Amino acid sequence: MSVLFVLFVGVVALSFYRGWFALSSHRPDTGSDKVNVNLTVDRGKMQEDAEGVKNKATQLTGNVTGEAKGSGDLTRDKVKSIDP
């Protein structure tokens, strides 16, 4: 349960840091004890960051896949050269 709470707090902190959410308040009217607090969600920023992560992941996995294929070919060549 505490792990989920820590994970939740981390996600909330990250979302405020990345600018996905913002809190704002307005000064109360004179003689009023009420304070208005607004939560703003920037969906465009969230989608922009998600696309950036998706592109970076695709780029990294493409590089790893290409490197794995290249080293696999070299291994096959070495195995073939060992066989009489």
N, C-alpha and C. Protein backbone atom coordinates (compact mmCIF):
# COMPACT_ATOMS: atom_id res chain seq x y z
N MET A 1 0.82 -1.18 0.00
CA MET A 1 0.00 0.00 0.00
C MET A 1 0.87 1.25 0.00
N SER A 2 1.93 1.26 0.79
CA SER A 2 2.80 2.43 0.83
C SER A 2 3.56 2.62 -0.49
N VAL A 3 3.84 1.53 -1.19
CA VAL A 3 4.51 1.63 -2.48
C VAL A 3 3.60 2.33 -3.48
N LEU A 4 2.31 2.00 -3.45
CA LEU A 4 1.36 2.66 -4.35
C LEU A 4 1.25 4.14 -4.03
N PHE A 5 1.26 4.48 -2.76
CA PHE A 5 1.18 5.89 -2.36
C PHE A 5 2.41 6.65 -2.85
N VAL A 6 3.59 6.07 -2.68
CA VAL A 6 4.83 6.71 -3.13
C VAL A 6 4.81 6.85 -4.65
N LEU A 7 4.34 5.84 -5.35
CA LEU A 7 4.23 5.90 -6.81
C LEU A 7 3.26 7.01 -7.23
N PHE A 8 2.12 7.10 -6.55
CA PHE A 8 1.13 8.13 -6.85
C PHE A 8 1.73 9.53 -6.63
N VAL A 9 2.39 9.73 -5.51
CA VAL A 9 3.01 11.03 -5.22
C VAL A 9 4.07 11.36 -6.27
N GLY A 10 4.82 10.37 -6.68
CA GLY A 10 5.84 10.59 -7.71
C GLY A 10 5.24 11.00 -9.04
N VAL A 11 4.16 10.35 -9.44
CA VAL A 11 3.49 10.69 -10.70
C VAL A 11 2.91 12.10 -10.63
N VAL A 12 2.29 12.45 -9.50
CA VAL A 12 1.74 13.79 -9.34
C VAL A 12 2.85 14.84 -9.39
N ALA A 13 3.95 14.58 -8.70
CA ALA A 13 5.07 15.52 -8.70
C ALA A 13 5.64 15.68 -10.11
N LEU A 14 5.80 14.58 -10.82
CA LEU A 14 6.30 14.63 -12.19
C LEU A 14 5.37 15.42 -13.09
N SER A 15 4.07 15.22 -12.91
CA SER A 15 3.11 15.91 -13.77
C SER A 15 3.11 17.42 -13.52
N PHE A 16 3.30 17.85 -12.29
CA PHE A 16 3.41 19.28 -12.02
C PHE A 16 4.74 19.82 -12.56
N TYR A 17 5.80 19.05 -12.42
CA TYR A 17 7.12 19.46 -12.91
C TYR A 17 7.12 19.62 -14.43
N ARG A 18 6.48 18.68 -15.13
CA ARG A 18 6.43 18.72 -16.60
C ARG A 18 5.43 19.74 -17.13
N GLY A 19 4.62 20.30 -16.26
CA GLY A 19 3.67 21.33 -16.68
C GLY A 19 2.35 20.79 -17.16
N TRP A 20 2.05 19.52 -16.85
CA TRP A 20 0.77 18.94 -17.26
C TRP A 20 -0.36 19.50 -16.41
N PHE A 21 -0.08 19.79 -15.15
CA PHE A 21 -1.06 20.35 -14.23
C PHE A 21 -0.51 21.63 -13.64
N ALA A 22 -1.42 22.55 -13.32
CA ALA A 22 -1.03 23.79 -12.66
C ALA A 22 -2.13 24.20 -11.69
N LEU A 23 -1.73 24.69 -10.54
CA LEU A 23 -2.67 25.20 -9.55
C LEU A 23 -2.58 26.72 -9.53
N SER A 24 -3.72 27.36 -9.39
CA SER A 24 -3.74 28.82 -9.25
C SER A 24 -4.85 29.19 -8.28
N SER A 25 -4.68 30.34 -7.65
CA SER A 25 -5.72 30.81 -6.73
C SER A 25 -5.93 32.30 -6.96
N HIS A 26 -7.09 32.76 -6.59
CA HIS A 26 -7.44 34.17 -6.71
C HIS A 26 -7.61 34.75 -5.32
N ARG A 27 -7.28 36.00 -5.20
CA ARG A 27 -7.47 36.67 -3.91
C ARG A 27 -8.95 36.74 -3.60
N PRO A 28 -9.30 36.48 -2.37
CA PRO A 28 -10.72 36.56 -2.02
C PRO A 28 -11.22 38.00 -2.03
N ASP A 29 -12.50 38.14 -2.25
CA ASP A 29 -13.10 39.47 -2.19
C ASP A 29 -12.95 40.02 -0.78
N THR A 30 -12.96 41.32 -0.68
CA THR A 30 -12.85 41.95 0.64
C THR A 30 -14.00 41.52 1.52
N GLY A 31 -13.69 41.06 2.70
CA GLY A 31 -14.70 40.62 3.64
C GLY A 31 -15.13 39.18 3.46
N SER A 32 -14.53 38.48 2.52
CA SER A 32 -14.89 37.08 2.28
C SER A 32 -13.74 36.18 2.72
N ASP A 33 -14.06 35.03 3.28
CA ASP A 33 -13.04 34.07 3.69
C ASP A 33 -12.86 32.95 2.67
N LYS A 34 -13.55 33.05 1.55
CA LYS A 34 -13.48 32.00 0.53
C LYS A 34 -12.29 32.25 -0.40
N VAL A 35 -11.62 31.15 -0.76
CA VAL A 35 -10.51 31.21 -1.70
C VAL A 35 -10.82 30.26 -2.83
N ASN A 36 -10.72 30.74 -4.06
CA ASN A 36 -10.93 29.88 -5.23
C ASN A 36 -9.58 29.31 -5.66
N VAL A 37 -9.52 28.00 -5.78
CA VAL A 37 -8.32 27.32 -6.24
C VAL A 37 -8.68 26.60 -7.53
N ASN A 38 -7.88 26.84 -8.57
CA ASN A 38 -8.15 26.24 -9.87
C ASN A 38 -7.05 25.25 -10.24
N LEU A 39 -7.45 24.13 -10.80
CA LEU A 39 -6.53 23.13 -11.32
C LEU A 39 -6.65 23.16 -12.84
N THR A 40 -5.55 23.43 -13.52
CA THR A 40 -5.54 23.50 -14.98
C THR A 40 -4.79 22.28 -15.51
N VAL A 41 -5.37 21.62 -16.50
CA VAL A 41 -4.75 20.46 -17.14
C VAL A 41 -4.38 20.84 -18.57
N ASP A 42 -3.11 20.67 -18.92
CA ASP A 42 -2.64 20.98 -20.27
C ASP A 42 -2.52 19.69 -21.06
N ARG A 43 -3.61 19.32 -21.73
CA ARG A 43 -3.63 18.06 -22.48
C ARG A 43 -2.67 18.09 -23.66
N GLY A 44 -2.50 19.25 -24.26
CA GLY A 44 -1.56 19.37 -25.38
C GLY A 44 -0.14 19.04 -24.96
N LYS A 45 0.26 19.54 -23.79
CA LYS A 45 1.61 19.26 -23.27
C LYS A 45 1.76 17.77 -22.95
N MET A 46 0.70 17.18 -22.41
CA MET A 46 0.75 15.74 -22.11
C MET A 46 0.93 14.92 -23.39
N GLN A 47 0.18 15.26 -24.44
CA GLN A 47 0.28 14.54 -25.70
C GLN A 47 1.65 14.76 -26.35
N GLU A 48 2.15 15.99 -26.26
CA GLU A 48 3.47 16.30 -26.81
C GLU A 48 4.55 15.47 -26.13
N ASP A 49 4.51 15.38 -24.81
CA ASP A 49 5.49 14.58 -24.07
C ASP A 49 5.34 13.09 -24.38
N ALA A 50 4.10 12.62 -24.52
CA ALA A 50 3.87 11.21 -24.84
C ALA A 50 4.44 10.87 -26.22
N GLU A 51 4.26 11.76 -27.18
CA GLU A 51 4.82 11.53 -28.52
C GLU A 51 6.35 11.53 -28.47
N GLY A 52 6.92 12.43 -27.68
CA GLY A 52 8.37 12.47 -27.55
C GLY A 52 8.93 11.19 -26.96
N VAL A 53 8.25 10.66 -25.94
CA VAL A 53 8.69 9.40 -25.33
C VAL A 53 8.54 8.26 -26.33
N LYS A 54 7.44 8.26 -27.06
CA LYS A 54 7.20 7.20 -28.05
C LYS A 54 8.28 7.23 -29.14
N ASN A 55 8.60 8.41 -29.63
CA ASN A 55 9.63 8.53 -30.67
C ASN A 55 11.00 8.11 -30.14
N LYS A 56 11.32 8.52 -28.93
CA LYS A 56 12.62 8.16 -28.35
C LYS A 56 12.71 6.64 -28.13
N ALA A 57 11.62 6.04 -27.65
CA ALA A 57 11.62 4.58 -27.44
C ALA A 57 11.76 3.84 -28.76
N THR A 58 11.09 4.33 -29.78
CA THR A 58 11.20 3.70 -31.10
C THR A 58 12.63 3.82 -31.63
N GLN A 59 13.22 4.99 -31.44
CA GLN A 59 14.59 5.20 -31.88
C GLN A 59 15.56 4.28 -31.13
N LEU A 60 15.41 4.18 -29.82
CA LEU A 60 16.31 3.34 -29.03
C LEU A 60 16.14 1.87 -29.35
N THR A 61 14.90 1.41 -29.48
CA THR A 61 14.69 -0.01 -29.79
C THR A 61 15.14 -0.33 -31.20
N GLY A 62 15.03 0.62 -32.11
CA GLY A 62 15.53 0.40 -33.47
C GLY A 62 17.03 0.25 -33.48
N ASN A 63 17.73 1.07 -32.69
CA ASN A 63 19.19 0.97 -32.61
C ASN A 63 19.61 -0.35 -31.98
N VAL A 64 18.94 -0.77 -30.94
CA VAL A 64 19.28 -2.03 -30.26
C VAL A 64 19.01 -3.20 -31.19
N THR A 65 17.87 -3.17 -31.89
CA THR A 65 17.54 -4.24 -32.82
C THR A 65 18.56 -4.31 -33.94
N GLY A 66 18.96 -3.17 -34.47
CA GLY A 66 19.97 -3.14 -35.54
C GLY A 66 21.30 -3.66 -35.06
N GLU A 67 21.70 -3.29 -33.85
CA GLU A 67 22.97 -3.76 -33.30
C GLU A 67 22.92 -5.26 -33.04
N ALA A 68 21.79 -5.75 -32.56
CA ALA A 68 21.66 -7.19 -32.29
C ALA A 68 21.73 -7.98 -33.58
N LYS A 69 21.08 -7.49 -34.63
CA LYS A 69 21.13 -8.19 -35.91
C LYS A 69 22.54 -8.19 -36.46
N GLY A 70 23.23 -7.06 -36.33
CA GLY A 70 24.60 -6.97 -36.82
C GLY A 70 25.54 -7.90 -36.08
N SER A 71 25.45 -7.97 -34.79
CA SER A 71 26.34 -8.84 -34.02
C SER A 71 25.96 -10.30 -34.23
N GLY A 72 24.71 -10.59 -34.48
CA GLY A 72 24.29 -11.96 -34.75
C GLY A 72 24.88 -12.47 -36.05
N ASP A 73 24.95 -11.61 -37.05
CA ASP A 73 25.56 -11.99 -38.32
C ASP A 73 27.04 -12.29 -38.14
N LEU A 74 27.72 -11.50 -37.33
CA LEU A 74 29.13 -11.74 -37.08
C LEU A 74 29.34 -13.05 -36.36
N THR A 75 28.47 -13.37 -35.42
CA THR A 75 28.60 -14.62 -34.68
C THR A 75 28.40 -15.80 -35.62
N ARG A 76 27.44 -15.71 -36.49
CA ARG A 76 27.21 -16.81 -37.45
C ARG A 76 28.43 -16.99 -38.35
N ASP A 77 29.05 -15.89 -38.79
CA ASP A 77 30.23 -16.00 -39.64
C ASP A 77 31.37 -16.69 -38.90
N LYS A 78 31.54 -16.39 -37.62
CA LYS A 78 32.60 -17.00 -36.84
C LYS A 78 32.33 -18.49 -36.65
N VAL A 79 31.09 -18.84 -36.42
CA VAL A 79 30.74 -20.25 -36.22
C VAL A 79 30.98 -21.00 -37.51
N LYS A 80 30.61 -20.43 -38.64
CA LYS A 80 30.83 -21.09 -39.92
C LYS A 80 32.30 -21.28 -40.21
N SER A 81 33.12 -20.32 -39.81
CA SER A 81 34.55 -20.42 -40.10
C SER A 81 35.22 -21.47 -39.22
N ILE A 82 34.63 -21.80 -38.07
CA ILE A 82 35.20 -22.79 -37.18
C ILE A 82 34.90 -24.20 -37.70
N ASP A 83 33.71 -24.37 -38.28
CA ASP A 83 33.32 -25.70 -38.78
C ASP A 83 34.27 -26.09 -39.91
N PRO A 84 34.73 -27.38 -39.88
CA PRO A 84 35.65 -27.84 -40.94
C PRO A 84 34.94 -28.12 -42.25
